[in-house]
PDB file of all heavy atoms in Angstrom:
ATOM      1  N   ALA A   1      32.113 -14.696 -66.317  1.00  0.00           N
ATOM      2  CA  ALA A   1      31.964 -15.292 -64.978  1.00  0.00           C
ATOM      3  C   ALA A   1      32.806 -14.552 -63.910  1.00  0.00           C
ATOM      4  O   ALA A   1      32.347 -14.334 -62.838  1.00  0.00           O
ATOM      5  CB  ALA A   1      32.341 -16.800 -64.997  1.00  0.00           C
ATOM      6  N   VAL A   2      33.984 -14.126 -64.334  1.00  0.00           N
ATOM      7  CA  VAL A   2      34.860 -13.484 -63.373  1.00  0.00           C
ATOM      8  C   VAL A   2      34.235 -12.064 -62.955  1.00  0.00           C
ATOM      9  O   VAL A   2      34.259 -11.681 -61.770  1.00  0.00           O
ATOM     10  CB  VAL A   2      36.257 -13.254 -63.892  1.00  0.00           C
ATOM     11  CG1 VAL A   2      36.349 -12.270 -64.966  1.00  0.00           C
ATOM     12  CG2 VAL A   2      37.239 -12.955 -62.795  1.00  0.00           C
ATOM     13  N   SER A   3      33.569 -11.415 -63.868  1.00  0.00           N
ATOM     14  CA  SER A   3      32.904 -10.140 -63.566  1.00  0.00           C
ATOM     15  C   SER A   3      31.717 -10.409 -62.588  1.00  0.00           C
ATOM     16  O   SER A   3      31.566  -9.608 -61.577  1.00  0.00           O
ATOM     17  CB  SER A   3      32.420  -9.456 -64.795  1.00  0.00           C
ATOM     18  OG  SER A   3      33.466  -9.192 -65.685  1.00  0.00           O
ATOM     19  N   ILE A   4      30.888 -11.350 -62.891  1.00  0.00           N
ATOM     20  CA  ILE A   4      29.767 -11.645 -62.022  1.00  0.00           C
ATOM     21  C   ILE A   4      30.215 -12.139 -60.679  1.00  0.00           C
ATOM     22  O   ILE A   4      29.737 -11.644 -59.620  1.00  0.00           O
ATOM     23  CB  ILE A   4      28.884 -12.697 -62.681  1.00  0.00           C
ATOM     24  CG1 ILE A   4      28.196 -12.131 -63.880  1.00  0.00           C
ATOM     25  CG2 ILE A   4      27.797 -13.230 -61.709  1.00  0.00           C
ATOM     26  CD1 ILE A   4      27.452 -13.097 -64.733  1.00  0.00           C
ATOM     27  N   MET A   5      31.269 -12.958 -60.608  1.00  0.00           N
ATOM     28  CA  MET A   5      31.673 -13.481 -59.299  1.00  0.00           C
ATOM     29  C   MET A   5      32.388 -12.422 -58.463  1.00  0.00           C
ATOM     30  O   MET A   5      32.310 -12.452 -57.284  1.00  0.00           O
ATOM     31  CB  MET A   5      32.560 -14.673 -59.551  1.00  0.00           C
ATOM     32  CG  MET A   5      31.807 -15.888 -60.121  1.00  0.00           C
ATOM     33  SD  MET A   5      30.192 -16.194 -59.446  1.00  0.00           S
ATOM     34  CE  MET A   5      30.606 -16.820 -57.879  1.00  0.00           C
ATOM     35  N   TYR A   6      33.095 -11.464 -59.113  1.00  0.00           N
ATOM     36  CA  TYR A   6      33.655 -10.325 -58.387  1.00  0.00           C
ATOM     37  C   TYR A   6      32.565  -9.461 -57.813  1.00  0.00           C
ATOM     38  O   TYR A   6      32.674  -8.982 -56.682  1.00  0.00           O
ATOM     39  CB  TYR A   6      34.605  -9.445 -59.256  1.00  0.00           C
ATOM     40  CG  TYR A   6      36.031  -9.723 -58.957  1.00  0.00           C
ATOM     41  CD1 TYR A   6      36.888 -10.299 -59.926  1.00  0.00           C
ATOM     42  CD2 TYR A   6      36.604  -9.382 -57.724  1.00  0.00           C
ATOM     43  CE1 TYR A   6      38.219 -10.526 -59.661  1.00  0.00           C
ATOM     44  CE2 TYR A   6      37.904  -9.620 -57.430  1.00  0.00           C
ATOM     45  CZ  TYR A   6      38.729 -10.188 -58.445  1.00  0.00           C
ATOM     46  OH  TYR A   6      40.069 -10.378 -58.160  1.00  0.00           O
ATOM     47  N   LEU A   7      31.467  -9.312 -58.500  1.00  0.00           N
ATOM     48  CA  LEU A   7      30.342  -8.605 -58.005  1.00  0.00           C
ATOM     49  C   LEU A   7      29.756  -9.291 -56.781  1.00  0.00           C
ATOM     50  O   LEU A   7      29.447  -8.681 -55.748  1.00  0.00           O
ATOM     51  CB  LEU A   7      29.254  -8.416 -59.051  1.00  0.00           C
ATOM     52  CG  LEU A   7      28.003  -7.672 -58.682  1.00  0.00           C
ATOM     53  CD1 LEU A   7      28.350  -6.213 -58.246  1.00  0.00           C
ATOM     54  CD2 LEU A   7      26.968  -7.663 -59.751  1.00  0.00           C
ATOM     55  N   VAL A   8      29.666 -10.599 -56.846  1.00  0.00           N
ATOM     56  CA  VAL A   8      29.176 -11.447 -55.697  1.00  0.00           C
ATOM     57  C   VAL A   8      30.113 -11.226 -54.528  1.00  0.00           C
ATOM     58  O   VAL A   8      29.705 -11.071 -53.368  1.00  0.00           O
ATOM     59  CB  VAL A   8      29.044 -12.890 -56.110  1.00  0.00           C
ATOM     60  CG1 VAL A   8      28.824 -13.803 -54.929  1.00  0.00           C
ATOM     61  CG2 VAL A   8      27.918 -13.104 -57.134  1.00  0.00           C
ATOM     62  N   VAL A   9      31.414 -11.278 -54.781  1.00  0.00           N
ATOM     63  CA  VAL A   9      32.444 -11.144 -53.699  1.00  0.00           C
ATOM     64  C   VAL A   9      32.331  -9.756 -53.048  1.00  0.00           C
ATOM     65  O   VAL A   9      32.319  -9.694 -51.781  1.00  0.00           O
ATOM     66  CB  VAL A   9      33.859 -11.396 -54.231  1.00  0.00           C
ATOM     67  CG1 VAL A   9      34.896 -10.914 -53.240  1.00  0.00           C
ATOM     68  CG2 VAL A   9      34.120 -12.799 -54.569  1.00  0.00           C
ATOM     69  N   VAL A  10      32.135  -8.708 -53.847  1.00  0.00           N
ATOM     70  CA  VAL A  10      32.030  -7.405 -53.242  1.00  0.00           C
ATOM     71  C   VAL A  10      30.746  -7.287 -52.371  1.00  0.00           C
ATOM     72  O   VAL A  10      30.808  -6.742 -51.238  1.00  0.00           O
ATOM     73  CB  VAL A  10      31.990  -6.304 -54.380  1.00  0.00           C
ATOM     74  CG1 VAL A  10      31.618  -4.958 -53.825  1.00  0.00           C
ATOM     75  CG2 VAL A  10      33.407  -6.234 -54.963  1.00  0.00           C
ATOM     76  N   VAL A  11      29.616  -7.733 -52.924  1.00  0.00           N
ATOM     77  CA  VAL A  11      28.398  -7.690 -52.133  1.00  0.00           C
ATOM     78  C   VAL A  11      28.447  -8.531 -50.864  1.00  0.00           C
ATOM     79  O   VAL A  11      28.087  -8.088 -49.757  1.00  0.00           O
ATOM     80  CB  VAL A  11      27.185  -8.086 -53.013  1.00  0.00           C
ATOM     81  CG1 VAL A  11      25.911  -8.275 -52.193  1.00  0.00           C
ATOM     82  CG2 VAL A  11      26.974  -7.083 -54.156  1.00  0.00           C
ATOM     83  N   ALA A  12      28.985  -9.809 -50.980  1.00  0.00           N
ATOM     84  CA  ALA A  12      29.072 -10.644 -49.836  1.00  0.00           C
ATOM     85  C   ALA A  12      30.072 -10.091 -48.790  1.00  0.00           C
ATOM     86  O   ALA A  12      29.828 -10.213 -47.625  1.00  0.00           O
ATOM     87  CB  ALA A  12      29.578 -12.039 -50.267  1.00  0.00           C
ATOM     88  N   ALA A  13      31.148  -9.486 -49.270  1.00  0.00           N
ATOM     89  CA  ALA A  13      32.130  -8.854 -48.242  1.00  0.00           C
ATOM     90  C   ALA A  13      31.417  -7.723 -47.477  1.00  0.00           C
ATOM     91  O   ALA A  13      31.644  -7.616 -46.280  1.00  0.00           O
ATOM     92  CB  ALA A  13      33.305  -8.366 -49.059  1.00  0.00           C
ATOM     93  N   GLN A  14      30.557  -6.941 -48.178  1.00  0.00           N
ATOM     94  CA  GLN A  14      29.892  -5.887 -47.488  1.00  0.00           C
ATOM     95  C   GLN A  14      28.899  -6.506 -46.482  1.00  0.00           C
ATOM     96  O   GLN A  14      28.754  -5.977 -45.353  1.00  0.00           O
ATOM     97  CB  GLN A  14      29.169  -4.976 -48.475  1.00  0.00           C
ATOM     98  CG  GLN A  14      30.141  -4.149 -49.241  1.00  0.00           C
ATOM     99  CD  GLN A  14      29.441  -3.226 -50.230  1.00  0.00           C
ATOM    100  OE1 GLN A  14      28.226  -3.157 -50.264  1.00  0.00           O
ATOM    101  NE2 GLN A  14      30.226  -2.525 -51.053  1.00  0.00           N
ATOM    102  N   VAL A  15      28.201  -7.520 -46.905  1.00  0.00           N
ATOM    103  CA  VAL A  15      27.169  -8.109 -46.042  1.00  0.00           C
ATOM    104  C   VAL A  15      27.829  -8.670 -44.769  1.00  0.00           C
ATOM    105  O   VAL A  15      27.394  -8.457 -43.639  1.00  0.00           O
ATOM    106  CB  VAL A  15      26.417  -9.233 -46.758  1.00  0.00           C
ATOM    107  CG1 VAL A  15      25.639 -10.115 -45.794  1.00  0.00           C
ATOM    108  CG2 VAL A  15      25.479  -8.625 -47.790  1.00  0.00           C
ATOM    109  N   HIS A  16      28.974  -9.387 -44.988  1.00  0.00           N
ATOM    110  CA  HIS A  16      29.652  -9.965 -43.750  1.00  0.00           C
ATOM    111  C   HIS A  16      30.326  -8.978 -42.939  1.00  0.00           C
ATOM    112  O   HIS A  16      30.373  -9.037 -41.708  1.00  0.00           O
ATOM    113  CB  HIS A  16      30.618 -11.083 -44.242  1.00  0.00           C
ATOM    114  CG  HIS A  16      29.948 -12.214 -44.864  1.00  0.00           C
ATOM    115  ND1 HIS A  16      29.012 -12.996 -44.192  1.00  0.00           N
ATOM    116  CD2 HIS A  16      30.019 -12.812 -46.117  1.00  0.00           C
ATOM    117  CE1 HIS A  16      28.538 -13.928 -45.007  1.00  0.00           C
ATOM    118  NE2 HIS A  16      29.243 -13.854 -46.159  1.00  0.00           N
ATOM    119  N   GLY A  17      30.814  -7.883 -43.562  1.00  0.00           N
ATOM    120  CA  GLY A  17      31.424  -6.820 -42.784  1.00  0.00           C
ATOM    121  C   GLY A  17      30.436  -6.109 -41.909  1.00  0.00           C
ATOM    122  O   GLY A  17      30.708  -5.910 -40.758  1.00  0.00           O
ATOM    123  N   TRP A  18      29.297  -5.764 -42.446  1.00  0.00           N
ATOM    124  CA  TRP A  18      28.216  -5.131 -41.592  1.00  0.00           C
ATOM    125  C   TRP A  18      27.722  -6.168 -40.581  1.00  0.00           C
ATOM    126  O   TRP A  18      27.375  -5.753 -39.494  1.00  0.00           O
ATOM    127  CB  TRP A  18      27.099  -4.631 -42.519  1.00  0.00           C
ATOM    128  CG  TRP A  18      27.447  -3.412 -43.256  1.00  0.00           C
ATOM    129  CD1 TRP A  18      27.658  -3.241 -44.571  1.00  0.00           C
ATOM    130  CD2 TRP A  18      27.616  -2.097 -42.640  1.00  0.00           C
ATOM    131  NE1 TRP A  18      27.987  -1.885 -44.807  1.00  0.00           N
ATOM    132  CE2 TRP A  18      27.902  -1.217 -43.682  1.00  0.00           C
ATOM    133  CE3 TRP A  18      27.521  -1.634 -41.322  1.00  0.00           C
ATOM    134  CZ2 TRP A  18      28.155   0.113 -43.410  1.00  0.00           C
ATOM    135  CZ3 TRP A  18      27.714  -0.233 -41.104  1.00  0.00           C
ATOM    136  CH2 TRP A  18      28.058   0.561 -42.134  1.00  0.00           C
ATOM    137  N   GLN A  19      27.627  -7.445 -40.953  1.00  0.00           N
ATOM    138  CA  GLN A  19      27.170  -8.382 -39.976  1.00  0.00           C
ATOM    139  C   GLN A  19      28.108  -8.471 -38.798  1.00  0.00           C
ATOM    140  O   GLN A  19      27.713  -8.500 -37.633  1.00  0.00           O
ATOM    141  CB  GLN A  19      27.123  -9.791 -40.725  1.00  0.00           C
ATOM    142  CG  GLN A  19      26.421 -10.869 -39.919  1.00  0.00           C
ATOM    143  CD  GLN A  19      26.315 -12.122 -40.672  1.00  0.00           C
ATOM    144  OE1 GLN A  19      26.560 -12.155 -41.864  1.00  0.00           O
ATOM    145  NE2 GLN A  19      25.903 -13.174 -39.990  1.00  0.00           N
ATOM    146  N   LEU A  20      29.410  -8.463 -39.071  1.00  0.00           N
ATOM    147  CA  LEU A  20      30.360  -8.465 -37.967  1.00  0.00           C
ATOM    148  C   LEU A  20      30.324  -7.195 -37.153  1.00  0.00           C
ATOM    149  O   LEU A  20      30.437  -7.179 -35.908  1.00  0.00           O
ATOM    150  CB  LEU A  20      31.818  -8.664 -38.541  1.00  0.00           C
ATOM    151  CG  LEU A  20      32.138 -10.098 -38.998  1.00  0.00           C
ATOM    152  CD1 LEU A  20      33.432 -10.084 -39.706  1.00  0.00           C
ATOM    153  CD2 LEU A  20      32.181 -11.036 -37.866  1.00  0.00           C
ATOM    154  N   TYR A  21      30.203  -6.081 -37.840  1.00  0.00           N
ATOM    155  CA  TYR A  21      30.071  -4.806 -37.119  1.00  0.00           C
ATOM    156  C   TYR A  21      28.869  -4.740 -36.197  1.00  0.00           C
ATOM    157  O   TYR A  21      29.037  -4.414 -34.965  1.00  0.00           O
ATOM    158  CB  TYR A  21      30.061  -3.674 -38.101  1.00  0.00           C
ATOM    159  CG  TYR A  21      29.793  -2.303 -37.491  1.00  0.00           C
ATOM    160  CD1 TYR A  21      30.807  -1.617 -36.812  1.00  0.00           C
ATOM    161  CD2 TYR A  21      28.541  -1.659 -37.608  1.00  0.00           C
ATOM    162  CE1 TYR A  21      30.625  -0.405 -36.255  1.00  0.00           C
ATOM    163  CE2 TYR A  21      28.302  -0.381 -37.057  1.00  0.00           C
ATOM    164  CZ  TYR A  21      29.361   0.280 -36.367  1.00  0.00           C
ATOM    165  OH  TYR A  21      29.147   1.437 -35.785  1.00  0.00           O
ATOM    166  N   TYR A  22      27.703  -5.099 -36.686  1.00  0.00           N
ATOM    167  CA  TYR A  22      26.495  -5.083 -35.860  1.00  0.00           C
ATOM    168  C   TYR A  22      26.577  -6.155 -34.799  1.00  0.00           C
ATOM    169  O   TYR A  22      26.035  -5.929 -33.685  1.00  0.00           O
ATOM    170  CB  TYR A  22      25.271  -5.288 -36.701  1.00  0.00           C
ATOM    171  CG  TYR A  22      24.857  -4.084 -37.580  1.00  0.00           C
ATOM    172  CD1 TYR A  22      24.458  -4.278 -38.871  1.00  0.00           C
ATOM    173  CD2 TYR A  22      24.956  -2.788 -37.014  1.00  0.00           C
ATOM    174  CE1 TYR A  22      24.011  -3.124 -39.621  1.00  0.00           C
ATOM    175  CE2 TYR A  22      24.606  -1.719 -37.809  1.00  0.00           C
ATOM    176  CZ  TYR A  22      24.104  -1.899 -39.050  1.00  0.00           C
ATOM    177  OH  TYR A  22      23.754  -0.778 -39.857  1.00  0.00           O
ATOM    178  N   SER A  23      27.204  -7.298 -35.059  1.00  0.00           N
ATOM    179  CA  SER A  23      27.315  -8.322 -34.051  1.00  0.00           C
ATOM    180  C   SER A  23      28.194  -7.797 -32.888  1.00  0.00           C
ATOM    181  O   SER A  23      27.896  -8.116 -31.714  1.00  0.00           O
ATOM    182  CB  SER A  23      27.925  -9.592 -34.608  1.00  0.00           C
ATOM    183  OG  SER A  23      27.071 -10.178 -35.564  1.00  0.00           O
ATOM    184  N   LYS A  24      29.271  -7.159 -33.222  1.00  0.00           N
ATOM    185  CA  LYS A  24      30.158  -6.554 -32.150  1.00  0.00           C
ATOM    186  C   LYS A  24      29.371  -5.542 -31.305  1.00  0.00           C
ATOM    187  O   LYS A  24      29.453  -5.579 -30.038  1.00  0.00           O
ATOM    188  CB  LYS A  24      31.374  -5.936 -32.836  1.00  0.00           C
ATOM    189  CG  LYS A  24      32.203  -5.157 -31.832  1.00  0.00           C
ATOM    190  CD  LYS A  24      32.924  -6.028 -30.835  1.00  0.00           C
ATOM    191  CE  LYS A  24      33.969  -5.259 -30.064  1.00  0.00           C
ATOM    192  NZ  LYS A  24      33.527  -5.086 -28.701  1.00  0.00           N
ATOM    193  N   LYS A  25      28.585  -4.690 -31.970  1.00  0.00           N
ATOM    194  CA  LYS A  25      27.799  -3.715 -31.238  1.00  0.00           C
ATOM    195  C   LYS A  25      26.764  -4.436 -30.357  1.00  0.00           C
ATOM    196  O   LYS A  25      26.447  -3.982 -29.255  1.00  0.00           O
ATOM    197  CB  LYS A  25      27.136  -2.689 -32.184  1.00  0.00           C
ATOM    198  CG  LYS A  25      28.188  -1.912 -32.900  1.00  0.00           C
ATOM    199  CD  LYS A  25      27.903  -0.543 -33.278  1.00  0.00           C
ATOM    200  CE  LYS A  25      27.056   0.356 -32.524  1.00  0.00           C
ATOM    201  NZ  LYS A  25      27.652   1.458 -31.916  1.00  0.00           N
ATOM    202  N   LEU A  26      26.152  -5.512 -30.888  1.00  0.00           N
ATOM    203  CA  LEU A  26      25.132  -6.281 -30.106  1.00  0.00           C
ATOM    204  C   LEU A  26      25.805  -6.938 -28.907  1.00  0.00           C
ATOM    205  O   LEU A  26      25.272  -6.927 -27.845  1.00  0.00           O
ATOM    206  CB  LEU A  26      24.526  -7.282 -31.034  1.00  0.00           C
ATOM    207  CG  LEU A  26      23.423  -8.197 -30.398  1.00  0.00           C
ATOM    208  CD1 LEU A  26      22.285  -7.305 -29.948  1.00  0.00           C
ATOM    209  CD2 LEU A  26      22.947  -9.255 -31.416  1.00  0.00           C
ATOM    210  N   LEU A  27      27.003  -7.461 -29.136  1.00  0.00           N
ATOM    211  CA  LEU A  27      27.697  -8.089 -28.008  1.00  0.00           C
ATOM    212  C   LEU A  27      28.057  -7.048 -26.924  1.00  0.00           C
ATOM    213  O   LEU A  27      27.869  -7.330 -25.761  1.00  0.00           O
ATOM    214  CB  LEU A  27      29.078  -8.651 -28.621  1.00  0.00           C
ATOM    215  CG  LEU A  27      29.811  -9.646 -27.711  1.00  0.00           C
ATOM    216  CD1 LEU A  27      28.937 -10.900 -27.501  1.00  0.00           C
ATOM    217  CD2 LEU A  27      31.100 -10.077 -28.433  1.00  0.00           C
ATOM    218  N   ASP A  28      28.416  -5.867 -27.315  1.00  0.00           N
ATOM    219  CA  ASP A  28      28.657  -4.781 -26.372  1.00  0.00           C
ATOM    220  C   ASP A  28      27.373  -4.460 -25.600  1.00  0.00           C
ATOM    221  O   ASP A  28      27.411  -4.220 -24.410  1.00  0.00           O
ATOM    222  CB  ASP A  28      29.230  -3.528 -27.050  1.00  0.00           C
ATOM    223  CG  ASP A  28      30.644  -3.730 -27.589  1.00  0.00           C
ATOM    224  OD1 ASP A  28      31.314  -4.692 -27.151  1.00  0.00           O
ATOM    225  OD2 ASP A  28      31.016  -2.916 -28.436  1.00  0.00           O
ATOM    226  N   SER A  29      26.292  -4.444 -26.339  1.00  0.00           N
ATOM    227  CA  SER A  29      25.009  -4.125 -25.726  1.00  0.00           C
ATOM    228  C   SER A  29      24.626  -5.200 -24.641  1.00  0.00           C
ATOM    229  O   SER A  29      24.118  -4.901 -23.606  1.00  0.00           O
ATOM    230  CB  SER A  29      23.887  -3.989 -26.768  1.00  0.00           C
ATOM    231  OG  SER A  29      22.614  -3.971 -26.244  1.00  0.00           O
ATOM    232  N   TRP A  30      24.865  -6.481 -25.038  1.00  0.00           N
ATOM    233  CA  TRP A  30      24.547  -7.573 -24.157  1.00  0.00           C
ATOM    234  C   TRP A  30      25.475  -7.511 -22.882  1.00  0.00           C
ATOM    235  O   TRP A  30      25.048  -7.825 -21.799  1.00  0.00           O
ATOM    236  CB  TRP A  30      24.658  -8.895 -24.838  1.00  0.00           C
ATOM    237  CG  TRP A  30      23.560  -9.134 -25.774  1.00  0.00           C
ATOM    238  CD1 TRP A  30      22.431  -8.424 -25.923  1.00  0.00           C
ATOM    239  CD2 TRP A  30      23.425 -10.241 -26.721  1.00  0.00           C
ATOM    240  NE1 TRP A  30      21.661  -8.990 -26.963  1.00  0.00           N
ATOM    241  CE2 TRP A  30      22.249 -10.063 -27.418  1.00  0.00           C
ATOM    242  CE3 TRP A  30      24.263 -11.295 -26.982  1.00  0.00           C
ATOM    243  CZ2 TRP A  30      21.855 -10.988 -28.419  1.00  0.00           C
ATOM    244  CZ3 TRP A  30      23.888 -12.209 -27.973  1.00  0.00           C
ATOM    245  CH2 TRP A  30      22.666 -12.015 -28.649  1.00  0.00           C
ATOM    246  N   PHE A  31      26.740  -7.171 -23.088  1.00  0.00           N
ATOM    247  CA  PHE A  31      27.607  -7.024 -21.930  1.00  0.00           C
ATOM    248  C   PHE A  31      27.210  -5.956 -20.996  1.00  0.00           C
ATOM    249  O   PHE A  31      27.303  -6.048 -19.768  1.00  0.00           O
ATOM    250  CB  PHE A  31      29.040  -6.854 -22.387  1.00  0.00           C
ATOM    251  CG  PHE A  31      29.809  -8.121 -22.658  1.00  0.00           C
ATOM    252  CD1 PHE A  31      30.399  -8.325 -23.890  1.00  0.00           C
ATOM    253  CD2 PHE A  31      29.873  -9.096 -21.720  1.00  0.00           C
ATOM    254  CE1 PHE A  31      31.120  -9.545 -24.154  1.00  0.00           C
ATOM    255  CE2 PHE A  31      30.630 -10.273 -21.951  1.00  0.00           C
ATOM    256  CZ  PHE A  31      31.194 -10.464 -23.157  1.00  0.00           C
ATOM    257  N   THR A  32      26.699  -4.883 -21.616  1.00  0.00           N
ATOM    258  CA  THR A  32      26.215  -3.766 -20.752  1.00  0.00           C
ATOM    259  C   THR A  32      25.057  -4.218 -19.896  1.00  0.00           C
ATOM    260  O   THR A  32      25.011  -3.933 -18.649  1.00  0.00           O
ATOM    261  CB  THR A  32      25.755  -2.566 -21.661  1.00  0.00           C
ATOM    262  OG1 THR A  32      26.833  -2.155 -22.428  1.00  0.00           O
ATOM    263  CG2 THR A  32      25.222  -1.425 -20.838  1.00  0.00           C
ATOM    264  N   SER A  33      24.079  -4.907 -20.456  1.00  0.00           N
ATOM    265  CA  SER A  33      22.980  -5.375 -19.687  1.00  0.00           C
ATOM    266  C   SER A  33      23.419  -6.407 -18.617  1.00  0.00           C
ATOM    267  O   SER A  33      22.856  -6.453 -17.521  1.00  0.00           O
ATOM    268  CB  SER A  33      21.837  -5.897 -20.554  1.00  0.00           C
ATOM    269  OG  SER A  33      22.153  -7.103 -21.156  1.00  0.00           O
TER     270      SER A  33
END
């Protein structure tokens, strides 16, 4: 279970990291407009 859940943590961390990155870029885009 610990191996599977660490895999879940790694994938989820990447998903949320990219989500935050793209959200910040989107926010900058909206501020520009």
